[in-house]
Amino acid sequence: MTQELAINGGKPVRDKLLPYGHQWIDEEDIKAVIEVLRSDWITQGPKVVEFEKEFAKYVGARYAVAVNSGTAAL
Protein backbone atom coordinates (compact mmCIF):
# COMPACT_ATOMS: atom_id res chain seq x y z
CA MET A 1 0.00 0.00 0.00
CA THR A 2 1.50 3.32 -0.99
CA GLN A 3 0.61 6.64 0.55
CA GLU A 4 0.46 9.96 -1.21
CA LEU A 5 3.37 12.29 -0.43
CA ALA A 6 2.56 15.32 1.72
CA ILE A 7 3.76 17.62 -1.07
CA ASN A 8 1.01 16.09 -3.23
CA GLY A 9 -1.72 16.45 -0.60
CA GLY A 10 -1.00 13.42 1.59
CA LYS A 11 -0.62 13.51 5.37
CA PRO A 12 2.69 15.02 6.58
CA VAL A 13 4.97 12.79 8.65
CA ARG A 14 5.25 15.51 11.29
CA ASP A 15 3.22 18.59 12.07
CA LYS A 16 6.04 20.59 13.67
CA LEU A 17 9.25 21.74 12.03
CA LEU A 18 12.47 20.16 13.23
CA PRO A 19 14.30 22.43 15.66
CA TYR A 20 16.80 24.73 14.01
CA GLY A 21 20.21 25.06 15.61
CA HIS A 22 21.07 28.51 16.87
CA GLN A 23 24.44 29.89 15.82
CA TRP A 24 26.86 30.82 18.58
CA ILE A 25 28.86 33.46 16.72
CA ASP A 26 30.44 36.17 18.80
CA GLU A 27 32.58 39.22 18.02
CA GLU A 28 35.79 37.19 18.37
CA ASP A 29 34.57 34.82 15.63
CA ILE A 30 33.63 37.72 13.36
CA LYS A 31 37.03 39.37 13.86
CA ALA A 32 38.81 36.08 13.08
CA VAL A 33 36.85 35.68 9.82
CA ILE A 34 37.58 39.28 8.81
CA GLU A 35 41.28 38.71 9.53
CA VAL A 36 41.34 35.66 7.25
CA LEU A 37 39.36 37.38 4.49
CA ARG A 38 41.84 40.26 4.49
CA SER A 39 44.84 37.94 4.40
CA ASP A 40 46.30 36.06 1.45
CA TRP A 41 45.05 32.78 2.97
CA ILE A 42 41.40 32.14 2.14
CA THR A 43 41.19 28.37 1.51
CA GLN A 44 44.46 27.20 3.05
CA GLY A 45 46.98 28.64 5.43
CA PRO A 46 47.77 28.96 9.12
CA LYS A 47 44.17 29.22 10.36
CA VAL A 48 43.17 26.05 8.50
CA VAL A 49 46.19 24.19 9.90
CA GLU A 50 45.35 25.46 13.39
CA PHE A 51 41.72 24.36 13.01
CA GLU A 52 42.70 20.89 11.77
CA LYS A 53 45.08 20.35 14.69
CA GLU A 54 42.58 21.56 17.29
CA PHE A 55 39.74 19.53 15.76
CA ALA A 56 41.87 16.37 15.68
CA LYS A 57 42.72 16.89 19.33
CA TYR A 58 39.05 17.53 20.17
CA VAL A 59 37.87 14.26 18.57
CA GLY A 60 40.87 12.24 19.75
CA ALA A 61 42.31 11.62 16.28
CA ARG A 62 45.87 11.86 15.04
CA TYR A 63 44.89 13.91 12.02
CA ALA A 64 41.97 15.92 10.65
CA VAL A 65 41.44 17.41 7.21
CA ALA A 66 39.16 20.41 6.68
CA VAL A 67 37.01 20.23 3.54
CA ASN A 68 34.32 22.50 2.13
CA SER A 69 31.42 20.03 2.01
CA GLY A 70 30.18 16.58 2.90
CA THR A 71 30.65 15.54 -0.72
CA ALA A 72 34.31 16.56 -0.64
CA ALA A 73 34.68 14.56 2.58
CA LEU A 74 33.59 11.39 0.79
PDB file of N, CA and C in Angstrom:
ATOM      1  N   MET A   1       0.847  -1.179   0.000  1.00  0.00           N
ATOM      2  CA  MET A   1       0.000   0.000   0.000  1.00  0.00           C
ATOM      3  C   MET A   1       0.890   1.239   0.000  1.00  0.00           C
ATOM      4  N   THR A   2       0.714   2.087  -0.942  1.00  0.00           N
ATOM      5  CA  THR A   2       1.498   3.321  -0.995  1.00  0.00           C
ATOM      6  C   THR A   2       0.643   4.491  -0.538  1.00  0.00           C
ATOM      7  N   GLN A   3       1.310   5.438   0.091  1.00  0.00           N
ATOM      8  CA  GLN A   3       0.615   6.636   0.552  1.00  0.00           C
ATOM      9  C   GLN A   3       1.051   7.814  -0.296  1.00  0.00           C
ATOM     10  N   GLU A   4       0.149   8.762  -0.440  1.00  0.00           N
ATOM     11  CA  GLU A   4       0.461   9.963  -1.208  1.00  0.00           C
ATOM     12  C   GLU A   4       1.418  10.848  -0.413  1.00  0.00           C
ATOM     13  N   LEU A   5       2.421  11.390  -1.079  1.00  0.00           N
ATOM     14  CA  LEU A   5       3.370  12.286  -0.428  1.00  0.00           C
ATOM     15  C   LEU A   5       2.665  13.544   0.056  1.00  0.00           C
ATOM     16  N   ALA A   6       3.147  14.101   1.158  1.00  0.00           N
ATOM     17  CA  ALA A   6       2.559  15.323   1.718  1.00  0.00           C
ATOM     18  C   ALA A   6       2.594  16.461   0.711  1.00  0.00           C
ATOM     19  N   ILE A   7       3.643  16.538  -0.082  1.00  0.00           N
ATOM     20  CA  ILE A   7       3.765  17.616  -1.073  1.00  0.00           C
ATOM     21  C   ILE A   7       2.655  17.523  -2.120  1.00  0.00           C
ATOM     22  N   ASN A   8       2.095  16.305  -2.273  1.00  0.00           N
ATOM     23  CA  ASN A   8       1.009  16.092  -3.233  1.00  0.00           C
ATOM     24  C   ASN A   8      -0.356  16.010  -2.559  1.00  0.00           C
ATOM     25  N   GLY A   9      -0.441  16.441  -1.292  1.00  0.00           N
ATOM     26  CA  GLY A   9      -1.725  16.446  -0.603  1.00  0.00           C
ATOM     27  C   GLY A   9      -1.891  15.365   0.448  1.00  0.00           C
ATOM     28  N   GLY A  10      -0.922  14.467   0.570  1.00  0.00           N
ATOM     29  CA  GLY A  10      -0.996  13.423   1.587  1.00  0.00           C
ATOM     30  C   GLY A  10      -0.718  13.973   2.981  1.00  0.00           C
ATOM     31  N   LYS A  11      -0.829  13.101   3.981  1.00  0.00           N
ATOM     32  CA  LYS A  11      -0.623  13.505   5.369  1.00  0.00           C
ATOM     33  C   LYS A  11       0.879  13.677   5.641  1.00  0.00           C
ATOM     34  N   PRO A  12       1.274  14.821   6.234  1.00  0.00           N
ATOM     35  CA  PRO A  12       2.690  15.020   6.576  1.00  0.00           C
ATOM     36  C   PRO A  12       3.145  14.034   7.654  1.00  0.00           C
ATOM     37  N   VAL A  13       4.403  13.681   7.643  1.00  0.00           N
ATOM     38  CA  VAL A  13       4.970  12.789   8.650  1.00  0.00           C
ATOM     39  C   VAL A  13       4.980  13.467  10.011  1.00  0.00           C
ATOM     40  N   ARG A  14       5.260  14.749  10.035  1.00  0.00           N
ATOM     41  CA  ARG A  14       5.253  15.505  11.293  1.00  0.00           C
ATOM     42  C   ARG A  14       4.521  16.810  11.087  1.00  0.00           C
ATOM     43  N   ASP A  15       3.963  17.334  12.174  1.00  0.00           N
ATOM     44  CA  ASP A  15       3.223  18.589  12.070  1.00  0.00           C
ATOM     45  C   ASP A  15       4.003  19.774  12.625  1.00  0.00           C
ATOM     46  N   LYS A  16       5.182  19.517  13.169  1.00  0.00           N
ATOM     47  CA  LYS A  16       6.040  20.589  13.670  1.00  0.00           C
ATOM     48  C   LYS A  16       7.370  20.534  12.928  1.00  0.00           C
ATOM     49  N   LEU A  17       7.937  21.702  12.681  1.00  0.00           N
ATOM     50  CA  LEU A  17       9.248  21.743  12.034  1.00  0.00           C
ATOM     51  C   LEU A  17      10.308  21.191  12.970  1.00  0.00           C
ATOM     52  N   LEU A  18      11.341  20.604  12.409  1.00  0.00           N
ATOM     53  CA  LEU A  18      12.468  20.162  13.226  1.00  0.00           C
ATOM     54  C   LEU A  18      13.148  21.383  13.825  1.00  0.00           C
ATOM     55  N   PRO A  19      13.648  21.267  15.043  1.00  0.00           N
ATOM     56  CA  PRO A  19      14.301  22.429  15.658  1.00  0.00           C
ATOM     57  C   PRO A  19      15.517  22.867  14.847  1.00  0.00           C
ATOM     58  N   TYR A  20      15.681  24.144  14.756  1.00  0.00           N
ATOM     59  CA  TYR A  20      16.795  24.726  14.013  1.00  0.00           C
ATOM     60  C   TYR A  20      17.878  25.128  15.001  1.00  0.00           C
ATOM     61  N   GLY A  21      19.096  24.725  14.726  1.00  0.00           N
ATOM     62  CA  GLY A  21      20.206  25.061  15.612  1.00  0.00           C
ATOM     63  C   GLY A  21      20.517  26.548  15.590  1.00  0.00           C
ATOM     64  N   HIS A  22      20.722  27.090  16.747  1.00  0.00           N
ATOM     65  CA  HIS A  22      21.067  28.509  16.874  1.00  0.00           C
ATOM     66  C   HIS A  22      22.581  28.676  16.756  1.00  0.00           C
ATOM     67  N   GLN A  23      23.014  29.636  15.970  1.00  0.00           N
ATOM     68  CA  GLN A  23      24.441  29.894  15.821  1.00  0.00           C
ATOM     69  C   GLN A  23      24.981  30.578  17.077  1.00  0.00           C
ATOM     70  N   TRP A  24      26.168  30.203  17.449  1.00  0.00           N
ATOM     71  CA  TRP A  24      26.865  30.816  18.578  1.00  0.00           C
ATOM     72  C   TRP A  24      28.065  31.569  18.023  1.00  0.00           C
ATOM     73  N   ILE A  25      27.814  32.663  17.345  1.00  0.00           N
ATOM     74  CA  ILE A  25      28.862  33.459  16.717  1.00  0.00           C
ATOM     75  C   ILE A  25      29.010  34.741  17.514  1.00  0.00           C
ATOM     76  N   ASP A  26      30.223  34.956  18.021  1.00  0.00           N
ATOM     77  CA  ASP A  26      30.444  36.173  18.803  1.00  0.00           C
ATOM     78  C   ASP A  26      31.403  37.104  18.056  1.00  0.00           C
ATOM     79  N   GLU A  27      31.708  38.223  18.659  1.00  0.00           N
ATOM     80  CA  GLU A  27      32.580  39.221  18.019  1.00  0.00           C
ATOM     81  C   GLU A  27      33.967  38.665  17.726  1.00  0.00           C
ATOM     82  N   GLU A  28      34.475  37.800  18.596  1.00  0.00           N
ATOM     83  CA  GLU A  28      35.790  37.192  18.371  1.00  0.00           C
ATOM     84  C   GLU A  28      35.778  36.359  17.090  1.00  0.00           C
ATOM     85  N   ASP A  29      34.701  35.605  16.863  1.00  0.00           N
ATOM     86  CA  ASP A  29      34.568  34.817  15.634  1.00  0.00           C
ATOM     87  C   ASP A  29      34.528  35.719  14.405  1.00  0.00           C
ATOM     88  N   ILE A  30      33.763  36.785  14.484  1.00  0.00           N
ATOM     89  CA  ILE A  30      33.633  37.718  13.362  1.00  0.00           C
ATOM     90  C   ILE A  30      34.977  38.362  13.044  1.00  0.00           C
ATOM     91  N   LYS A  31      35.711  38.771  14.066  1.00  0.00           N
ATOM     92  CA  LYS A  31      37.034  39.374  13.857  1.00  0.00           C
ATOM     93  C   LYS A  31      37.996  38.376  13.222  1.00  0.00           C
ATOM     94  N   ALA A  32      37.930  37.103  13.650  1.00  0.00           N
ATOM     95  CA  ALA A  32      38.808  36.080  13.079  1.00  0.00           C
ATOM     96  C   ALA A  32      38.507  35.867  11.598  1.00  0.00           C
ATOM     97  N   VAL A  33      37.232  35.857  11.233  1.00  0.00           N
ATOM     98  CA  VAL A  33      36.852  35.684   9.825  1.00  0.00           C
ATOM     99  C   VAL A  33      37.318  36.875   9.002  1.00  0.00           C
ATOM    100  N   ILE A  34      37.129  38.073   9.515  1.00  0.00           N
ATOM    101  CA  ILE A  34      37.579  39.277   8.806  1.00  0.00           C
ATOM    102  C   ILE A  34      39.088  39.240   8.603  1.00  0.00           C
ATOM    103  N   GLU A  35      39.821  38.807   9.634  1.00  0.00           N
ATOM    104  CA  GLU A  35      41.284  38.711   9.533  1.00  0.00           C
ATOM    105  C   GLU A  35      41.685  37.768   8.403  1.00  0.00           C
ATOM    106  N   VAL A  36      41.025  36.619   8.310  1.00  0.00           N
ATOM    107  CA  VAL A  36      41.344  35.657   7.250  1.00  0.00           C
ATOM    108  C   VAL A  36      40.960  36.213   5.880  1.00  0.00           C
ATOM    109  N   LEU A  37      39.788  36.832   5.777  1.00  0.00           N
ATOM    110  CA  LEU A  37      39.355  37.383   4.492  1.00  0.00           C
ATOM    111  C   LEU A  37      40.302  38.464   3.982  1.00  0.00           C
ATOM    112  N   ARG A  38      40.907  39.205   4.887  1.00  0.00           N
ATOM    113  CA  ARG A  38      41.839  40.263   4.489  1.00  0.00           C
ATOM    114  C   ARG A  38      43.254  39.749   4.259  1.00  0.00           C
ATOM    115  N   SER A  39      43.505  38.506   4.587  1.00  0.00           N
ATOM    116  CA  SER A  39      44.840  37.935   4.398  1.00  0.00           C
ATOM    117  C   SER A  39      44.955  37.332   3.002  1.00  0.00           C
ATOM    118  N   ASP A  40      46.094  36.758   2.718  1.00  0.00           N
ATOM    119  CA  ASP A  40      46.298  36.058   1.449  1.00  0.00           C
ATOM    120  C   ASP A  40      45.952  34.575   1.573  1.00  0.00           C
ATOM    121  N   TRP A  41      45.349  34.184   2.694  1.00  0.00           N
ATOM    122  CA  TRP A  41      45.053  32.785   2.968  1.00  0.00           C
ATOM    123  C   TRP A  41      43.546  32.593   3.138  1.00  0.00           C
ATOM    124  N   ILE A  42      42.843  32.330   2.052  1.00  0.00           N
ATOM    125  CA  ILE A  42      41.396  32.135   2.144  1.00  0.00           C
ATOM    126  C   ILE A  42      41.055  30.656   2.326  1.00  0.00           C
ATOM    127  N   THR A  43      41.576  29.785   1.457  1.00  0.00           N
ATOM    128  CA  THR A  43      41.193  28.371   1.510  1.00  0.00           C
ATOM    129  C   THR A  43      42.223  27.482   2.180  1.00  0.00           C
ATOM    130  N   GLN A  44      43.408  27.938   2.363  1.00  0.00           N
ATOM    131  CA  GLN A  44      44.464  27.196   3.051  1.00  0.00           C
ATOM    132  C   GLN A  44      45.197  28.183   3.942  1.00  0.00           C
ATOM    133  N   GLY A  45      46.192  27.718   4.646  1.00  0.00           N
ATOM    134  CA  GLY A  45      46.977  28.645   5.435  1.00  0.00           C
ATOM    135  C   GLY A  45      46.980  28.333   6.913  1.00  0.00           C
ATOM    136  N   PRO A  46      47.552  29.230   7.699  1.00  0.00           N
ATOM    137  CA  PRO A  46      47.769  28.959   9.117  1.00  0.00           C
ATOM    138  C   PRO A  46      46.488  28.739   9.920  1.00  0.00           C
ATOM    139  N   LYS A  47      45.417  29.407   9.609  1.00  0.00           N
ATOM    140  CA  LYS A  47      44.170  29.217  10.364  1.00  0.00           C
ATOM    141  C   LYS A  47      43.556  27.851  10.074  1.00  0.00           C
ATOM    142  N   VAL A  48      43.687  27.375   8.840  1.00  0.00           N
ATOM    143  CA  VAL A  48      43.174  26.047   8.499  1.00  0.00           C
ATOM    144  C   VAL A  48      43.990  24.982   9.219  1.00  0.00           C
ATOM    145  N   VAL A  49      45.302  25.132   9.207  1.00  0.00           N
ATOM    146  CA  VAL A  49      46.186  24.188   9.901  1.00  0.00           C
ATOM    147  C   VAL A  49      45.867  24.176  11.397  1.00  0.00           C
ATOM    148  N   GLU A  50      45.694  25.349  11.965  1.00  0.00           N
ATOM    149  CA  GLU A  50      45.354  25.459  13.389  1.00  0.00           C
ATOM    150  C   GLU A  50      44.018  24.764  13.680  1.00  0.00           C
ATOM    151  N   PHE A  51      43.020  24.996  12.827  1.00  0.00           N
ATOM    152  CA  PHE A  51      41.716  24.358  13.008  1.00  0.00           C
ATOM    153  C   PHE A  51      41.835  22.841  12.933  1.00  0.00           C
ATOM    154  N   GLU A  52      42.554  22.335  11.928  1.00  0.00           N
ATOM    155  CA  GLU A  52      42.696  20.887  11.767  1.00  0.00           C
ATOM    156  C   GLU A  52      43.354  20.257  12.989  1.00  0.00           C
ATOM    157  N   LYS A  53      44.393  20.878  13.506  1.00  0.00           N
ATOM    158  CA  LYS A  53      45.082  20.345  14.689  1.00  0.00           C
ATOM    159  C   LYS A  53      44.169  20.357  15.911  1.00  0.00           C
ATOM    160  N   GLU A  54      43.474  21.458  16.133  1.00  0.00           N
ATOM    161  CA  GLU A  54      42.581  21.563  17.289  1.00  0.00           C
ATOM    162  C   GLU A  54      41.401  20.602  17.170  1.00  0.00           C
ATOM    163  N   PHE A  55      40.865  20.447  15.958  1.00  0.00           N
ATOM    164  CA  PHE A  55      39.742  19.534  15.763  1.00  0.00           C
ATOM    165  C   PHE A  55      40.176  18.092  15.987  1.00  0.00           C
ATOM    166  N   ALA A  56      41.350  17.720  15.464  1.00  0.00           N
ATOM    167  CA  ALA A  56      41.871  16.368  15.676  1.00  0.00           C
ATOM    168  C   ALA A  56      42.028  16.086  17.166  1.00  0.00           C
ATOM    169  N   LYS A  57      42.565  17.044  17.886  1.00  0.00           N
ATOM    170  CA  LYS A  57      42.725  16.888  19.334  1.00  0.00           C
ATOM    171  C   LYS A  57      41.356  16.735  20.004  1.00  0.00           C
ATOM    172  N   TYR A  58      40.398  17.537  19.588  1.00  0.00           N
ATOM    173  CA  TYR A  58      39.054  17.529  20.171  1.00  0.00           C
ATOM    174  C   TYR A  58      38.369  16.169  20.012  1.00  0.00           C
ATOM    175  N   VAL A  59      38.530  15.545  18.830  1.00  0.00           N
ATOM    176  CA  VAL A  59      37.869  14.262  18.573  1.00  0.00           C
ATOM    177  C   VAL A  59      38.759  13.063  18.893  1.00  0.00           C
ATOM    178  N   GLY A  60      39.972  13.320  19.373  1.00  0.00           N
ATOM    179  CA  GLY A  60      40.868  12.236  19.749  1.00  0.00           C
ATOM    180  C   GLY A  60      41.481  11.502  18.572  1.00  0.00           C
ATOM    181  N   ALA A  61      41.717  12.219  17.477  1.00  0.00           N
ATOM    182  CA  ALA A  61      42.313  11.619  16.281  1.00  0.00           C
ATOM    183  C   ALA A  61      43.735  12.138  16.091  1.00  0.00           C
ATOM    184  N   ARG A  62      44.518  11.392  15.350  1.00  0.00           N
ATOM    185  CA  ARG A  62      45.873  11.860  15.041  1.00  0.00           C
ATOM    186  C   ARG A  62      45.848  13.009  14.052  1.00  0.00           C
ATOM    187  N   TYR A  63      44.950  12.923  13.089  1.00  0.00           N
ATOM    188  CA  TYR A  63      44.886  13.914  12.019  1.00  0.00           C
ATOM    189  C   TYR A  63      43.436  14.315  11.752  1.00  0.00           C
ATOM    190  N   ALA A  64      43.273  15.470  11.143  1.00  0.00           N
ATOM    191  CA  ALA A  64      41.973  15.921  10.647  1.00  0.00           C
ATOM    192  C   ALA A  64      42.232  16.739   9.390  1.00  0.00           C
ATOM    193  N   VAL A  65      41.317  16.660   8.451  1.00  0.00           N
ATOM    194  CA  VAL A  65      41.437  17.414   7.207  1.00  0.00           C
ATOM    195  C   VAL A  65      40.164  18.236   7.024  1.00  0.00           C
ATOM    196  N   ALA A  66      40.310  19.529   6.906  1.00  0.00           N
ATOM    197  CA  ALA A  66      39.164  20.413   6.684  1.00  0.00           C
ATOM    198  C   ALA A  66      38.801  20.392   5.202  1.00  0.00           C
ATOM    199  N   VAL A  67      37.505  20.202   4.917  1.00  0.00           N
ATOM    200  CA  VAL A  67      37.008  20.233   3.542  1.00  0.00           C
ATOM    201  C   VAL A  67      35.804  21.169   3.479  1.00  0.00           C
ATOM    202  N   ASN A  68      35.382  21.500   2.279  1.00  0.00           N
ATOM    203  CA  ASN A  68      34.321  22.500   2.130  1.00  0.00           C
ATOM    204  C   ASN A  68      32.911  21.933   2.105  1.00  0.00           C
ATOM    205  N   SER A  69      32.768  20.602   2.071  1.00  0.00           N
ATOM    206  CA  SER A  69      31.421  20.032   2.012  1.00  0.00           C
ATOM    207  C   SER A  69      31.456  18.554   2.384  1.00  0.00           C
ATOM    208  N   GLY A  70      30.277  18.008   2.632  1.00  0.00           N
ATOM    209  CA  GLY A  70      30.178  16.581   2.902  1.00  0.00           C
ATOM    210  C   GLY A  70      30.573  15.751   1.690  1.00  0.00           C
ATOM    211  N   THR A  71      30.266  16.246   0.499  1.00  0.00           N
ATOM    212  CA  THR A  71      30.645  15.545  -0.724  1.00  0.00           C
ATOM    213  C   THR A  71      32.156  15.469  -0.853  1.00  0.00           C
ATOM    214  N   ALA A  72      32.844  16.567  -0.576  1.00  0.00           N
ATOM    215  CA  ALA A  72      34.306  16.562  -0.636  1.00  0.00           C
ATOM    216  C   ALA A  72      34.885  15.616   0.410  1.00  0.00           C
ATOM    217  N   ALA A  73      34.206  15.453   1.531  1.00  0.00           N
ATOM    218  CA  ALA A  73      34.683  14.562   2.584  1.00  0.00           C
ATOM    219  C   ALA A  73      34.626  13.096   2.161  1.00  0.00           C
ATOM    220  N   LEU A  74      33.705  12.784   1.251  1.00  0.00           N
ATOM    221  CA  LEU A  74      33.590  11.394   0.793  1.00  0.00           C
ATOM    222  C   LEU A  74      34.783  11.011  -0.050  1.00  0.00           C
TER     223      LEU A  74
END
